[in-house]
């Protein structure tokens, strides 16, 4: 098995203030905008669009009632 090494050129050492300034999800960003941005990143990673969304396979999800 091939050993994988961390690409250290992709990251740089930052102070907490620098990292906070680069954070796109500040406390002022509404949750709806955060979810929209996260959904966009997920769609880019998995290769689907809003018009061609993946379907939920309902064979893997079962709802059961407890206590009766």
C-alpha atoms as a PDB file:
ATOM      1  CA  UNK A   1       0.000   0.000   0.000  1.00  0.00           C
ATOM      2  CA  UNK A   2       1.316   3.436  -0.939  1.00  0.00           C
ATOM      3  CA  UNK A   3       2.058   5.863   1.885  1.00  0.00           C
ATOM      4  CA  UNK A   4       0.297   9.197   1.457  1.00  0.00           C
ATOM      5  CA  UNK A   5       1.895  12.362   2.740  1.00  0.00           C
ATOM      6  CA  UNK A   6       0.280  15.668   3.627  1.00  0.00           C
ATOM      7  CA  UNK A   7       0.875  18.367   1.026  1.00  0.00           C
ATOM      8  CA  UNK A   8       2.312  21.052   3.286  1.00  0.00           C
ATOM      9  CA  UNK A   9       2.355  23.633   0.492  1.00  0.00           C
ATOM     10  CA  UNK A  10      -1.471  23.699   0.464  1.00  0.00           C
ATOM     11  CA  UNK A  11      -1.668  25.133   3.983  1.00  0.00           C
ATOM     12  CA  UNK A  12       0.001  27.926   5.889  1.00  0.00           C
ATOM     13  CA  UNK A  13       0.402  28.725   9.552  1.00  0.00           C
ATOM     14  CA  UNK A  14      -2.057  31.409  10.647  1.00  0.00           C
ATOM     15  CA  UNK A  15      -2.900  33.211  13.827  1.00  0.00           C
ATOM     16  CA  UNK A  16      -6.402  32.852  15.241  1.00  0.00           C
ATOM     17  CA  UNK A  17      -7.267  36.346  14.011  1.00  0.00           C
ATOM     18  CA  UNK A  18      -6.143  35.565  10.432  1.00  0.00           C
ATOM     19  CA  UNK A  19      -8.108  32.329  10.404  1.00  0.00           C
ATOM     20  CA  UNK A  20     -11.201  34.128  11.708  1.00  0.00           C
ATOM     21  CA  UNK A  21     -10.910  36.781   9.001  1.00  0.00           C
ATOM     22  CA  UNK A  22     -10.799  34.091   6.299  1.00  0.00           C
ATOM     23  CA  UNK A  23     -13.857  32.306   7.714  1.00  0.00           C
ATOM     24  CA  UNK A  24     -16.767  32.853   5.295  1.00  0.00           C
ATOM     25  CA  UNK A  25     -19.309  31.677   7.892  1.00  0.00           C
ATOM     26  CA  UNK A  26     -19.193  34.583  10.302  1.00  0.00           C
ATOM     27  CA  UNK A  27     -21.726  35.025  13.078  1.00  0.00           C
ATOM     28  CA  UNK A  28     -23.523  37.625  10.939  1.00  0.00           C
ATOM     29  CA  UNK A  29     -24.184  35.138   8.104  1.00  0.00           C
ATOM     30  CA  UNK A  30     -27.757  33.788   8.325  1.00  0.00           C
ATOM     31  CA  UNK A  31     -28.240  30.026   8.632  1.00  0.00           C
ATOM     32  CA  UNK A  32     -30.143  29.911   5.340  1.00  0.00           C
ATOM     33  CA  UNK A  33     -27.115  31.342   3.517  1.00  0.00           C
ATOM     34  CA  UNK A  34     -24.776  28.914   5.291  1.00  0.00           C
ATOM     35  CA  UNK A  35     -26.954  25.988   4.208  1.00  0.00           C
ATOM     36  CA  UNK A  36     -27.136  27.289   0.638  1.00  0.00           C
ATOM     37  CA  UNK A  37     -23.354  27.545   0.446  1.00  0.00           C
ATOM     38  CA  UNK A  38     -22.858  24.118   2.021  1.00  0.00           C
ATOM     39  CA  UNK A  39     -25.364  22.559  -0.402  1.00  0.00           C
ATOM     40  CA  UNK A  40     -23.517  24.144  -3.305  1.00  0.00           C
ATOM     41  CA  UNK A  41     -20.191  22.684  -2.127  1.00  0.00           C
ATOM     42  CA  UNK A  42     -21.750  19.235  -1.670  1.00  0.00           C
ATOM     43  CA  UNK A  43     -23.327  19.386  -5.133  1.00  0.00           C
ATOM     44  CA  UNK A  44     -19.963  20.291  -6.664  1.00  0.00           C
ATOM     45  CA  UNK A  45     -18.214  17.457  -4.817  1.00  0.00           C
ATOM     46  CA  UNK A  46     -20.765  14.808  -5.849  1.00  0.00           C
ATOM     47  CA  UNK A  47     -21.487  16.212  -9.314  1.00  0.00           C
ATOM     48  CA  UNK A  48     -25.198  17.040  -9.262  1.00  0.00           C
ATOM     49  CA  UNK A  49     -27.180  20.240  -9.829  1.00  0.00           C
ATOM     50  CA  UNK A  50     -30.375  21.712  -8.398  1.00  0.00           C
ATOM     51  CA  UNK A  51     -32.231  20.613 -11.539  1.00  0.00           C
ATOM     52  CA  UNK A  52     -30.804  17.061 -11.372  1.00  0.00           C
ATOM     53  CA  UNK A  53     -30.804  16.161  -7.678  1.00  0.00           C
ATOM     54  CA  UNK A  54     -30.205  12.593  -6.491  1.00  0.00           C
ATOM     55  CA  UNK A  55     -33.285  10.681  -5.359  1.00  0.00           C
ATOM     56  CA  UNK A  56     -33.569   9.319  -1.828  1.00  0.00           C
ATOM     57  CA  UNK A  57     -33.503   5.518  -1.799  1.00  0.00           C
ATOM     58  CA  UNK A  58     -36.327   4.746   0.635  1.00  0.00           C
ATOM     59  CA  UNK A  59     -35.317   1.086   0.937  1.00  0.00           C
ATOM     60  CA  UNK A  60     -32.624   2.083   3.448  1.00  0.00           C
ATOM     61  CA  UNK A  61     -34.843   4.159   5.749  1.00  0.00           C
ATOM     62  CA  UNK A  62     -37.593   2.638   7.881  1.00  0.00           C
ATOM     63  CA  UNK A  63     -39.807   4.435  10.408  1.00  0.00           C
ATOM     64  CA  UNK A  64     -40.829   2.429  13.478  1.00  0.00           C
ATOM     65  CA  UNK A  65     -42.961   3.479  16.436  1.00  0.00           C
ATOM     66  CA  UNK A  66     -41.591   2.922  19.939  1.00  0.00           C
ATOM     67  CA  UNK A  67     -43.542   1.750  22.973  1.00  0.00           C
ATOM     68  CA  UNK A  68     -46.575   0.182  21.314  1.00  0.00           C
END
